């Protein structure tokens, strides 16, 4: 199979960054990631204006233009730090995990699993969201996640290898995702999911960040079908390399409600938790997402007829 030149270049660059992140000592690797971030943010201005406009949209006059720029930079640097840490996931061990500040939160999740069995681990694009699931897996919780295919098949394969290095399996977001996820939950596994992404199809309208977010009902649907709770979780970066793990009260399905009414209720409760956390720590949120959660859905009449909120975004 022949690959496009663009895809090959992206793959070579990604391989180079991953290799450098593993060869260098941790703080040197983080500085390397921050340096790349500085170039993209301040020289290439990669999606910088878009991020700052979103901060203005959500917070209004709470921040000055200079403060919005600073918040956007810290958010972008966090993404670079996340990439470095993801590249080094293979270096993580259960012993190293126990020495990390987030271990207290992980043990709380492990105790929840020990007592109650399967649940849905829902987190927002804050701090190092990938680390939450990886740490749970290393702590002995049978965690799996959902991922969509990347447009570049070479980088898609490479990123899946990075995700799977700790043994956490990834279920592809395809036509079989509903059946696969519900089966795994009923078998006692734990689903890690990121619900704060705009659905490409008209789905649930949820109050979020001062606007209306069009979200898939995935987390609520899975909880309903597998009869298990959703636990909202956030990971906050403290300094360059430390992380705080916050676990919130579970959200349970209500069998007395209409199915779609219950989806709406659960998703609104879940996103309200994340809303408060993002407002408290805006520099931790991913303001650069191409699928911005508050963007309106572009659709035709034919597309609407085919759409269903049943599947995750």
C-alpha atoms as a PDB file:
ATOM      1  CA  UNK A   1       0.000   0.000   0.000  1.00  0.00           C
ATOM      2  CA  UNK A   2       1.432   3.390  -1.015  1.00  0.00           C
ATOM      3  CA  UNK A   3       1.234   6.300   1.424  1.00  0.00           C
ATOM      4  CA  UNK A   4       1.022   9.998   0.679  1.00  0.00           C
ATOM      5  CA  UNK A   5       4.211  12.048   1.083  1.00  0.00           C
ATOM      6  CA  UNK A   6       2.473  14.179   3.723  1.00  0.00           C
ATOM      7  CA  UNK A   7       1.663  11.061   5.738  1.00  0.00           C
ATOM      8  CA  UNK A   8       5.240   9.815   5.505  1.00  0.00           C
ATOM      9  CA  UNK A   9       6.638  13.165   6.640  1.00  0.00           C
ATOM     10  CA  UNK A  10       4.212  13.301   9.591  1.00  0.00           C
ATOM     11  CA  UNK A  11       5.181   9.762  10.536  1.00  0.00           C
ATOM     12  CA  UNK A  12       8.933  10.479  10.401  1.00  0.00           C
ATOM     13  CA  UNK A  13       8.536  13.637  12.496  1.00  0.00           C
ATOM     14  CA  UNK A  14       6.399  11.814  15.070  1.00  0.00           C
ATOM     15  CA  UNK A  15       8.896   8.952  15.284  1.00  0.00           C
ATOM     16  CA  UNK A  16      11.691  11.472  15.819  1.00  0.00           C
ATOM     17  CA  UNK A  17       9.845  13.272  18.610  1.00  0.00           C
ATOM     18  CA  UNK A  18       8.942   9.997  20.331  1.00  0.00           C
ATOM     19  CA  UNK A  19      12.528   8.806  20.154  1.00  0.00           C
ATOM     20  CA  UNK A  20      13.934  12.056  21.564  1.00  0.00           C
ATOM     21  CA  UNK A  21      11.374  12.015  24.373  1.00  0.00           C
ATOM     22  CA  UNK A  22      12.552   8.547  25.399  1.00  0.00           C
ATOM     23  CA  UNK A  23      16.296   9.111  25.089  1.00  0.00           C
ATOM     24  CA  UNK A  24      16.419  12.342  27.115  1.00  0.00           C
ATOM     25  CA  UNK A  25      16.052  12.483  30.919  1.00  0.00           C
ATOM     26  CA  UNK A  26      12.523  13.423  31.990  1.00  0.00           C
ATOM     27  CA  UNK A  27      13.019  17.158  32.626  1.00  0.00           C
ATOM     28  CA  UNK A  28      15.167  17.535  29.510  1.00  0.00           C
ATOM     29  CA  UNK A  29      12.448  15.764  27.502  1.00  0.00           C
ATOM     30  CA  UNK A  30       9.805  18.096  28.938  1.00  0.00           C
ATOM     31  CA  UNK A  31      11.963  21.111  28.062  1.00  0.00           C
ATOM     32  CA  UNK A  32      12.337  19.690  24.541  1.00  0.00           C
ATOM     33  CA  UNK A  33       8.544  19.423  24.286  1.00  0.00           C
ATOM     34  CA  UNK A  34       8.087  22.956  25.610  1.00  0.00           C
ATOM     35  CA  UNK A  35      10.611  24.237  23.064  1.00  0.00           C
ATOM     36  CA  UNK A  36       8.653  22.690  20.204  1.00  0.00           C
ATOM     37  CA  UNK A  37       5.520  24.221  21.709  1.00  0.00           C
ATOM     38  CA  UNK A  38       7.103  27.688  21.806  1.00  0.00           C
ATOM     39  CA  UNK A  39       7.945  27.466  18.120  1.00  0.00           C
ATOM     40  CA  UNK A  40       4.448  26.382  17.087  1.00  0.00           C
ATOM     41  CA  UNK A  41       2.658  28.827  19.397  1.00  0.00           C
ATOM     42  CA  UNK A  42       4.710  31.991  19.016  1.00  0.00           C
ATOM     43  CA  UNK A  43       6.351  31.579  15.591  1.00  0.00           C
ATOM     44  CA  UNK A  44       3.835  29.575  13.563  1.00  0.00           C
ATOM     45  CA  UNK A  45       0.916  30.818  15.730  1.00  0.00           C
ATOM     46  CA  UNK A  46      -0.694  27.389  15.356  1.00  0.00           C
ATOM     47  CA  UNK A  47      -4.427  27.825  16.158  1.00  0.00           C
ATOM     48  CA  UNK A  48      -3.410  30.493  18.670  1.00  0.00           C
ATOM     49  CA  UNK A  49      -6.023  33.047  17.583  1.00  0.00           C
ATOM     50  CA  UNK A  50      -8.691  30.355  17.652  1.00  0.00           C
ATOM     51  CA  UNK A  51      -7.842  29.368  21.228  1.00  0.00           C
ATOM     52  CA  UNK A  52      -7.816  32.969  22.427  1.00  0.00           C
ATOM     53  CA  UNK A  53     -11.181  33.664  20.769  1.00  0.00           C
ATOM     54  CA  UNK A  54     -12.639  30.651  22.561  1.00  0.00           C
ATOM     55  CA  UNK A  55     -11.349  31.911  25.884  1.00  0.00           C
ATOM     56  CA  UNK A  56     -13.017  35.245  25.097  1.00  0.00           C
ATOM     57  CA  UNK A  57     -16.231  33.418  24.162  1.00  0.00           C
ATOM     58  CA  UNK A  58     -16.355  31.505  27.447  1.00  0.00           C
ATOM     59  CA  UNK A  59     -14.948  34.023  29.943  1.00  0.00           C
ATOM     60  CA  UNK A  60     -15.878  37.358  28.387  1.00  0.00           C
ATOM     61  CA  UNK A  61     -14.007  40.183  30.130  1.00  0.00           C
ATOM     62  CA  UNK A  62     -12.764  38.049  33.021  1.00  0.00           C
ATOM     63  CA  UNK A  63      -9.322  37.980  31.364  1.00  0.00           C
ATOM     64  CA  UNK A  64      -7.391  40.706  29.588  1.00  0.00           C
ATOM     65  CA  UNK A  65      -5.945  40.039  26.126  1.00  0.00           C
ATOM     66  CA  UNK A  66      -2.565  39.400  27.747  1.00  0.00           C
ATOM     67  CA  UNK A  67      -4.076  36.953  30.241  1.00  0.00           C
ATOM     68  CA  UNK A  68      -5.883  35.109  27.454  1.00  0.00           C
ATOM     69  CA  UNK A  69      -2.591  34.793  25.594  1.00  0.00           C
ATOM     70  CA  UNK A  70      -0.882  33.464  28.711  1.00  0.00           C
ATOM     71  CA  UNK A  71      -3.687  30.969  29.386  1.00  0.00           C
ATOM     72  CA  UNK A  72      -3.636  29.776  25.770  1.00  0.00           C
ATOM     73  CA  UNK A  73       0.140  29.284  25.925  1.00  0.00           C
ATOM     74  CA  UNK A  74      -0.046  27.249  29.143  1.00  0.00           C
ATOM     75  CA  UNK A  75      -2.781  25.139  27.564  1.00  0.00           C
ATOM     76  CA  UNK A  76      -0.650  24.525  24.472  1.00  0.00           C
ATOM     77  CA  UNK A  77       2.433  23.747  26.559  1.00  0.00           C
ATOM     78  CA  UNK A  78       0.355  21.244  28.514  1.00  0.00           C
ATOM     79  CA  UNK A  79      -0.437  19.415  25.262  1.00  0.00           C
ATOM     80  CA  UNK A  80       3.278  19.262  24.471  1.00  0.00           C
ATOM     81  CA  UNK A  81       3.980  17.905  27.954  1.00  0.00           C
ATOM     82  CA  UNK A  82       1.220  15.320  27.454  1.00  0.00           C
ATOM     83  CA  UNK A  83       2.860  14.151  24.234  1.00  0.00           C
ATOM     84  CA  UNK A  84       6.225  13.722  25.966  1.00  0.00           C
ATOM     85  CA  UNK A  85       4.643  11.792  28.844  1.00  0.00           C
ATOM     86  CA  UNK A  86       2.683   9.585  26.440  1.00  0.00           C
ATOM     87  CA  UNK A  87       5.889   8.778  24.579  1.00  0.00           C
ATOM     88  CA  UNK A  88       7.364   7.634  27.891  1.00  0.00           C
ATOM     89  CA  UNK A  89       4.410   5.502  29.046  1.00  0.00           C
ATOM     90  CA  UNK A  90       6.472   2.373  28.435  1.00  0.00           C
ATOM     91  CA  UNK A  91       8.817   3.507  31.214  1.00  0.00           C
ATOM     92  CA  UNK A  92       5.993   3.545  33.760  1.00  0.00           C
ATOM     93  CA  UNK A  93       5.717   0.617  36.176  1.00  0.00           C
ATOM     94  CA  UNK A  94       3.404  -0.117  39.122  1.00  0.00           C
ATOM     95  CA  UNK A  95       6.323   0.660  41.437  1.00  0.00           C
ATOM     96  CA  UNK A  96       6.897   4.098  39.858  1.00  0.00           C
ATOM     97  CA  UNK A  97       3.159   4.768  39.926  1.00  0.00           C
ATOM     98  CA  UNK A  98       3.088   4.317  43.701  1.00  0.00           C
ATOM     99  CA  UNK A  99       5.576   7.181  44.084  1.00  0.00           C
ATOM    100  CA  UNK A 100       3.470   9.602  42.029  1.00  0.00           C
ATOM    101  CA  UNK A 101       1.190  12.168  43.753  1.00  0.00           C
ATOM    102  CA  UNK A 102      -1.813  10.951  41.742  1.00  0.00           C
ATOM    103  CA  UNK A 103      -1.566   7.478  43.301  1.00  0.00           C
ATOM    104  CA  UNK A 104      -3.985   8.416  46.095  1.00  0.00           C
ATOM    105  CA  UNK A 105      -6.701   9.027  43.525  1.00  0.00           C
ATOM    106  CA  UNK A 106      -5.852   5.813  41.692  1.00  0.00           C
ATOM    107  CA  UNK A 107      -6.207   3.759  44.872  1.00  0.00           C
ATOM    108  CA  UNK A 108      -9.634   5.346  45.417  1.00  0.00           C
ATOM    109  CA  UNK A 109     -10.682   4.215  41.935  1.00  0.00           C
ATOM    110  CA  UNK A 110      -9.307   0.744  42.577  1.00  0.00           C
ATOM    111  CA  UNK A 111     -11.322   0.499  45.788  1.00  0.00           C
ATOM    112  CA  UNK A 112     -14.465   1.579  43.924  1.00  0.00           C
ATOM    113  CA  UNK A 113     -13.848  -1.158  41.370  1.00  0.00           C
ATOM    114  CA  UNK A 114     -13.135  -3.759  44.051  1.00  0.00           C
ATOM    115  CA  UNK A 115     -16.415  -3.023  45.820  1.00  0.00           C
ATOM    116  CA  UNK A 116     -18.772  -2.297  42.933  1.00  0.00           C
ATOM    117  CA  UNK A 117     -17.306  -3.709  39.724  1.00  0.00           C
ATOM    118  CA  UNK A 118     -17.570  -2.100  36.300  1.00  0.00           C
ATOM    119  CA  UNK A 119     -18.064   1.631  35.803  1.00  0.00           C
ATOM    120  CA  UNK A 120     -17.435   4.370  33.259  1.00  0.00           C
ATOM    121  CA  UNK A 121     -14.394   6.565  33.842  1.00  0.00           C
ATOM    122  CA  UNK A 122     -15.339   9.887  32.215  1.00  0.00           C
ATOM    123  CA  UNK A 123     -12.779  12.656  32.014  1.00  0.00           C
ATOM    124  CA  UNK A 124     -12.442  15.949  30.160  1.00  0.00           C
ATOM    125  CA  UNK A 125      -9.609  17.210  27.977  1.00  0.00           C
ATOM    126  CA  UNK A 126      -7.818  18.609  31.031  1.00  0.00           C
ATOM    127  CA  UNK A 127      -4.325  18.047  32.363  1.00  0.00           C
ATOM    128  CA  UNK A 128      -2.984  14.748  31.057  1.00  0.00           C
ATOM    129  CA  UNK A 129      -6.239  12.916  30.385  1.00  0.00           C
ATOM    130  CA  UNK A 130      -4.501   9.882  28.842  1.00  0.00           C
ATOM    131  CA  UNK A 131      -2.499   9.340  32.006  1.00  0.00           C
ATOM    132  CA  UNK A 132      -5.676   8.694  34.007  1.00  0.00           C
ATOM    133  CA  UNK A 133      -6.552   5.516  32.149  1.00  0.00           C
ATOM    134  CA  UNK A 134      -2.955   4.329  31.867  1.00  0.00           C
ATOM    135  CA  UNK A 135      -2.428   4.736  35.612  1.00  0.00           C
ATOM    136  CA  UNK A 136      -5.642   2.824  36.349  1.00  0.00           C
ATOM    137  CA  UNK A 137      -4.502  -0.008  34.106  1.00  0.00           C
ATOM    138  CA  UNK A 138      -1.116  -0.185  35.839  1.00  0.00           C
ATOM    139  CA  UNK A 139      -2.892  -0.263  39.200  1.00  0.00           C
ATOM    140  CA  UNK A 140      -4.787  -3.389  38.191  1.00  0.00           C
ATOM    141  CA  UNK A 141      -8.096  -1.917  36.976  1.00  0.00           C
ATOM    142  CA  UNK A 142      -9.162  -3.579  33.678  1.00  0.00           C
ATOM    143  CA  UNK A 143      -9.438  -0.337  31.723  1.00  0.00           C
ATOM    144  CA  UNK A 144     -10.160   0.063  28.008  1.00  0.00           C
ATOM    145  CA  UNK A 145     -10.950   3.098  25.859  1.00  0.00           C
ATOM    146  CA  UNK A 146     -12.470   4.177  22.562  1.00  0.00           C
ATOM    147  CA  UNK A 147     -10.465   5.759  19.743  1.00  0.00           C
ATOM    148  CA  UNK A 148     -11.282   6.890  16.237  1.00  0.00           C
ATOM    149  CA  UNK A 149      -8.955   6.214  13.322  1.00  0.00           C
ATOM    150  CA  UNK A 150      -6.545   8.990  12.354  1.00  0.00           C
ATOM    151  CA  UNK A 151      -6.557  10.206   8.750  1.00  0.00           C
ATOM    152  CA  UNK A 152      -2.896   9.243   8.507  1.00  0.00           C
ATOM    153  CA  UNK A 153      -2.739   5.419   8.704  1.00  0.00           C
ATOM    154  CA  UNK A 154       0.980   5.466   9.569  1.00  0.00           C
ATOM    155  CA  UNK A 155       0.642   7.762  12.580  1.00  0.00           C
ATOM    156  CA  UNK A 156      -2.604   5.997  13.547  1.00  0.00           C
ATOM    157  CA  UNK A 157      -0.750   2.694  13.880  1.00  0.00           C
ATOM    158  CA  UNK A 158       2.111   4.317  15.777  1.00  0.00           C
ATOM    159  CA  UNK A 159      -0.195   6.115  18.222  1.00  0.00           C
ATOM    160  CA  UNK A 160      -2.131   2.911  18.884  1.00  0.00           C
ATOM    161  CA  UNK A 161       1.144   1.202  19.790  1.00  0.00           C
ATOM    162  CA  UNK A 162       1.875   4.014  22.247  1.00  0.00           C
ATOM    163  CA  UNK A 163      -1.603   3.671  23.769  1.00  0.00           C
ATOM    164  CA  UNK A 164      -1.326  -0.106  24.082  1.00  0.00           C
ATOM    165  CA  UNK A 165       2.152  -0.215  25.590  1.00  0.00           C
ATOM    166  CA  UNK A 166       0.744  -0.546  29.134  1.00  0.00           C
ATOM    167  CA  UNK A 167      -1.766  -3.183  28.075  1.00  0.00           C
ATOM    168  CA  UNK A 168      -4.809  -0.877  27.897  1.00  0.00           C
ATOM    169  CA  UNK A 169      -6.890  -2.006  24.928  1.00  0.00           C
ATOM    170  CA  UNK A 170      -8.496   0.406  22.489  1.00  0.00           C
ATOM    171  CA  UNK A 171     -11.893  -0.215  20.895  1.00  0.00           C
ATOM    172  CA  UNK A 172     -12.261   1.471  17.517  1.00  0.00           C
ATOM    173  CA  UNK A 173     -15.206   3.820  17.114  1.00  0.00           C
ATOM    174  CA  UNK A 174     -16.844   1.917  14.275  1.00  0.00           C
ATOM    175  CA  UNK A 175     -20.173   0.200  13.594  1.00  0.00           C
ATOM    176  CA  UNK A 176     -19.480  -2.419  16.276  1.00  0.00           C
ATOM    177  CA  UNK A 177     -18.507  -0.020  19.058  1.00  0.00           C
ATOM    178  CA  UNK A 178     -21.836  -0.147  20.927  1.00  0.00           C
ATOM    179  CA  UNK A 179     -21.918  -3.930  21.106  1.00  0.00           C
ATOM    180  CA  UNK A 180     -18.218  -4.202  22.005  1.00  0.00           C
ATOM    181  CA  UNK A 181     -18.335  -1.593  24.762  1.00  0.00           C
ATOM    182  CA  UNK A 182     -21.493  -2.889  26.434  1.00  0.00           C
ATOM    183  CA  UNK A 183     -20.182  -6.456  26.348  1.00  0.00           C
ATOM    184  CA  UNK A 184     -16.926  -5.433  28.019  1.00  0.00           C
ATOM    185  CA  UNK A 185     -18.716  -3.430  30.703  1.00  0.00           C
ATOM    186  CA  UNK A 186     -21.019  -6.336  31.469  1.00  0.00           C
ATOM    187  CA  UNK A 187     -17.939  -8.564  31.691  1.00  0.00           C
ATOM    188  CA  UNK A 188     -16.573  -6.321  34.446  1.00  0.00           C
ATOM    189  CA  UNK A 189     -14.214  -4.001  32.570  1.00  0.00           C
ATOM    190  CA  UNK A 190     -13.963  -0.217  32.986  1.00  0.00           C
ATOM    191  CA  UNK A 191     -14.463   2.198  30.081  1.00  0.00           C
ATOM    192  CA  UNK A 192     -12.390   5.376  29.818  1.00  0.00           C
ATOM    193  CA  UNK A 193     -14.176   8.029  27.765  1.00  0.00           C
ATOM    194  CA  UNK A 194     -13.815  11.725  26.850  1.00  0.00           C
ATOM    195  CA  UNK A 195     -17.343  13.121  26.408  1.00  0.00           C
ATOM    196  CA  UNK A 196     -16.488  16.829  25.948  1.00  0.00           C
ATOM    197  CA  UNK A 197     -16.205  16.687  22.144  1.00  0.00           C
ATOM    198  CA  UNK A 198     -18.749  18.083  19.718  1.00  0.00           C
ATOM    199  CA  UNK A 199     -20.693  15.422  17.877  1.00  0.00           C
ATOM    200  CA  UNK A 200     -20.667  15.699  14.097  1.00  0.00           C
ATOM    201  CA  UNK A 201     -24.296  14.603  14.113  1.00  0.00           C
ATOM    202  CA  UNK A 202     -27.175  16.395  15.807  1.00  0.00           C
ATOM    203  CA  UNK A 203     -27.429  14.782  19.228  1.00  0.00           C
ATOM    204  CA  UNK A 204     -27.918  16.129  22.765  1.00  0.00           C
ATOM    205  CA  UNK A 205     -27.898  19.857  23.495  1.00  0.00           C
ATOM    206  CA  UNK A 206     -26.128  20.307  26.844  1.00  0.00           C
ATOM    207  CA  UNK A 207     -25.392  23.505  28.768  1.00  0.00           C
ATOM    208  CA  UNK A 208     -21.590  23.823  28.869  1.00  0.00           C
ATOM    209  CA  UNK A 209     -19.099  26.687  29.156  1.00  0.00           C
ATOM    210  CA  UNK A 210     -21.815  29.283  28.784  1.00  0.00           C
ATOM    211  CA  UNK A 211     -23.181  27.871  25.540  1.00  0.00           C
ATOM    212  CA  UNK A 212     -24.936  24.845  24.077  1.00  0.00           C
ATOM    213  CA  UNK A 213     -22.729  21.833  23.384  1.00  0.00           C
ATOM    214  CA  UNK A 214     -23.909  19.254  20.854  1.00  0.00           C
ATOM    215  CA  UNK A 215     -22.736  15.989  22.405  1.00  0.00           C
ATOM    216  CA  UNK A 216     -23.097  12.317  21.668  1.00  0.00           C
ATOM    217  CA  UNK A 217     -24.895  10.359  24.383  1.00  0.00           C
ATOM    218  CA  UNK A 218     -22.147   7.708  24.520  1.00  0.00           C
ATOM    219  CA  UNK A 219     -21.286   7.775  28.237  1.00  0.00           C
ATOM    220  CA  UNK A 220     -24.963   7.899  29.275  1.00  0.00           C
ATOM    221  CA  UNK A 221     -26.015   5.272  26.740  1.00  0.00           C
ATOM    222  CA  UNK A 222     -23.307   2.836  27.837  1.00  0.00           C
ATOM    223  CA  UNK A 223     -24.148   3.388  31.517  1.00  0.00           C
ATOM    224  CA  UNK A 224     -27.811   2.742  30.807  1.00  0.00           C
ATOM    225  CA  UNK A 225     -27.280  -0.404  28.748  1.00  0.00           C
ATOM    226  CA  UNK A 226     -24.673  -1.912  31.089  1.00  0.00           C
ATOM    227  CA  UNK A 227     -26.463  -0.671  34.241  1.00  0.00           C
ATOM    228  CA  UNK A 228     -23.323   0.869  35.721  1.00  0.00           C
ATOM    229  CA  UNK A 229     -22.398   4.322  37.081  1.00  0.00           C
ATOM    230  CA  UNK A 230     -20.389   7.100  35.468  1.00  0.00           C
ATOM    231  CA  UNK A 231     -17.573   8.529  37.591  1.00  0.00           C
ATOM    232  CA  UNK A 232     -16.468  12.053  36.576  1.00  0.00           C
ATOM    233  CA  UNK A 233     -12.682  12.355  36.956  1.00  0.00           C
ATOM    234  CA  UNK A 234     -10.234  15.176  36.234  1.00  0.00           C
ATOM    235  CA  UNK A 235      -6.445  15.166  36.178  1.00  0.00           C
ATOM    236  CA  UNK A 236      -4.734  18.483  36.865  1.00  0.00           C
ATOM    237  CA  UNK A 237      -1.097  19.142  36.080  1.00  0.00           C
ATOM    238  CA  UNK A 238       0.875  20.557  39.017  1.00  0.00           C
ATOM    239  CA  UNK A 239       4.161  22.005  37.834  1.00  0.00           C
ATOM    240  CA  UNK A 240       5.813  20.181  34.961  1.00  0.00           C
ATOM    241  CA  UNK A 241       5.596  16.544  36.023  1.00  0.00           C
ATOM    242  CA  UNK A 242       3.152  16.119  38.931  1.00  0.00           C
ATOM    243  CA  UNK A 243      -0.562  15.422  38.596  1.00  0.00           C
ATOM    244  CA  UNK A 244      -3.581  15.706  40.881  1.00  0.00           C
ATOM    245  CA  UNK A 245      -6.350  13.141  40.511  1.00  0.00           C
ATOM    246  CA  UNK A 246      -9.898  14.253  41.400  1.00  0.00           C
ATOM    247  CA  UNK A 247     -12.810  11.808  41.597  1.00  0.00           C
ATOM    248  CA  UNK A 248     -16.372  13.143  41.858  1.00  0.00           C
ATOM    249  CA  UNK A 249     -19.671  11.596  42.948  1.00  0.00           C
ATOM    250  CA  UNK A 250     -20.992   8.897  40.601  1.00  0.00           C
ATOM    251  CA  UNK A 251     -23.880   9.449  38.212  1.00  0.00           C
ATOM    252  CA  UNK A 252     -26.284   6.511  38.028  1.00  0.00           C
ATOM    253  CA  UNK A 253     -28.838   5.701  35.329  1.00  0.00           C
ATOM    254  CA  UNK A 254     -32.473   6.152  36.391  1.00  0.00           C
ATOM    255  CA  UNK A 255     -34.658   3.333  35.025  1.00  0.00           C
ATOM    256  CA  UNK A 256     -37.796   5.296  35.961  1.00  0.00           C
ATOM    257  CA  UNK A 257     -37.046   7.932  33.315  1.00  0.00           C
ATOM    258  CA  UNK A 258     -37.582   7.801  29.578  1.00  0.00           C
ATOM    259  CA  UNK A 259     -34.424   6.570  27.848  1.00  0.00           C
ATOM    260  CA  UNK A 260     -33.566   9.828  26.084  1.00  0.00           C
ATOM    261  CA  UNK A 261     -34.599  11.941  29.061  1.00  0.00           C
ATOM    262  CA  UNK A 262     -32.126   9.966  31.175  1.00  0.00           C
ATOM    263  CA  UNK A 263     -29.359  10.486  28.594  1.00  0.00           C
ATOM    264  CA  UNK A 264     -29.951  14.227  28.835  1.00  0.00           C
ATOM    265  CA  UNK A 265     -29.938  14.196  32.638  1.00  0.00           C
ATOM    266  CA  UNK A 266     -26.748  12.152  32.967  1.00  0.00           C
ATOM    267  CA  UNK A 267     -24.807  14.093  30.342  1.00  0.00           C
ATOM    268  CA  UNK A 268     -25.839  17.429  31.840  1.00  0.00           C
ATOM    269  CA  UNK A 269     -24.718  16.362  35.329  1.00  0.00           C
ATOM    270  CA  UNK A 270     -21.434  15.081  33.922  1.00  0.00           C
ATOM    271  CA  UNK A 271     -20.648  18.188  31.880  1.00  0.00           C
ATOM    272  CA  UNK A 272     -21.609  20.461  34.785  1.00  0.00           C
ATOM    273  CA  UNK A 273     -18.795  18.890  36.817  1.00  0.00           C
ATOM    274  CA  UNK A 274     -16.314  19.540  34.012  1.00  0.00           C
ATOM    275  CA  UNK A 275     -17.634  23.068  33.474  1.00  0.00           C
ATOM    276  CA  UNK A 276     -16.813  24.016  37.073  1.00  0.00           C
ATOM    277  CA  UNK A 277     -13.341  22.458  36.836  1.00  0.00           C
ATOM    278  CA  UNK A 278     -12.512  24.210  33.559  1.00  0.00           C
ATOM    279  CA  UNK A 279     -13.621  27.582  34.916  1.00  0.00           C
ATOM    280  CA  UNK A 280     -11.429  27.034  37.975  1.00  0.00           C
ATOM    281  CA  UNK A 281      -8.410  25.876  35.926  1.00  0.00           C
ATOM    282  CA  UNK A 282      -8.724  27.265  32.368  1.00  0.00           C
ATOM    283  CA  UNK A 283      -5.006  26.848  31.646  1.00  0.00           C
ATOM    284  CA  UNK A 284      -5.475  23.081  31.962  1.00  0.00           C
ATOM    285  CA  UNK A 285      -8.136  22.772  29.260  1.00  0.00           C
ATOM    286  CA  UNK A 286      -7.539  21.931  25.586  1.00  0.00           C
ATOM    287  CA  UNK A 287      -8.731  25.111  23.839  1.00  0.00           C
ATOM    288  CA  UNK A 288      -7.147  24.045  20.532  1.00  0.00           C
ATOM    289  CA  UNK A 289      -9.465  21.123  19.756  1.00  0.00           C
ATOM    290  CA  UNK A 290     -10.478  21.120  16.078  1.00  0.00           C
ATOM    291  CA  UNK A 291     -13.832  19.684  17.150  1.00  0.00           C
ATOM    292  CA  UNK A 292     -14.616  22.663  19.406  1.00  0.00           C
ATOM    293  CA  UNK A 293     -17.430  21.635  21.675  1.00  0.00           C
ATOM    294  CA  UNK A 294     -19.489  24.824  21.187  1.00  0.00           C
ATOM    295  CA  UNK A 295     -19.299  24.976  17.397  1.00  0.00           C
ATOM    296  CA  UNK A 296     -22.714  24.599  15.718  1.00  0.00           C
ATOM    297  CA  UNK A 297     -23.459  21.443  13.772  1.00  0.00           C
ATOM    298  CA  UNK A 298     -23.474  21.816   9.998  1.00  0.00           C
ATOM    299  CA  UNK A 299     -26.025  19.474   8.507  1.00  0.00           C
ATOM    300  CA  UNK A 300     -28.343  18.891   5.576  1.00  0.00           C
ATOM    301  CA  UNK A 301     -31.854  17.525   5.763  1.00  0.00           C
ATOM    302  CA  UNK A 302     -30.677  14.147   4.460  1.00  0.00           C
ATOM    303  CA  UNK A 303     -27.935  13.965   7.097  1.00  0.00           C
ATOM    304  CA  UNK A 304     -30.370  14.763   9.919  1.00  0.00           C
ATOM    305  CA  UNK A 305     -32.618  11.878   8.863  1.00  0.00           C
ATOM    306  CA  UNK A 306     -29.698   9.467   9.265  1.00  0.00           C
ATOM    307  CA  UNK A 307     -28.462  10.802  12.574  1.00  0.00           C
ATOM    308  CA  UNK A 308     -28.878   9.263  15.991  1.00  0.00           C
ATOM    309  CA  UNK A 309     -27.508  10.373  19.379  1.00  0.00           C
ATOM    310  CA  UNK A 310     -26.947   6.770  20.378  1.00  0.00           C
ATOM    311  CA  UNK A 311     -23.248   6.582  19.621  1.00  0.00           C
ATOM    312  CA  UNK A 312     -20.322   8.358  21.246  1.00  0.00           C
ATOM    313  CA  UNK A 313     -18.819  11.433  19.694  1.00  0.00           C
END
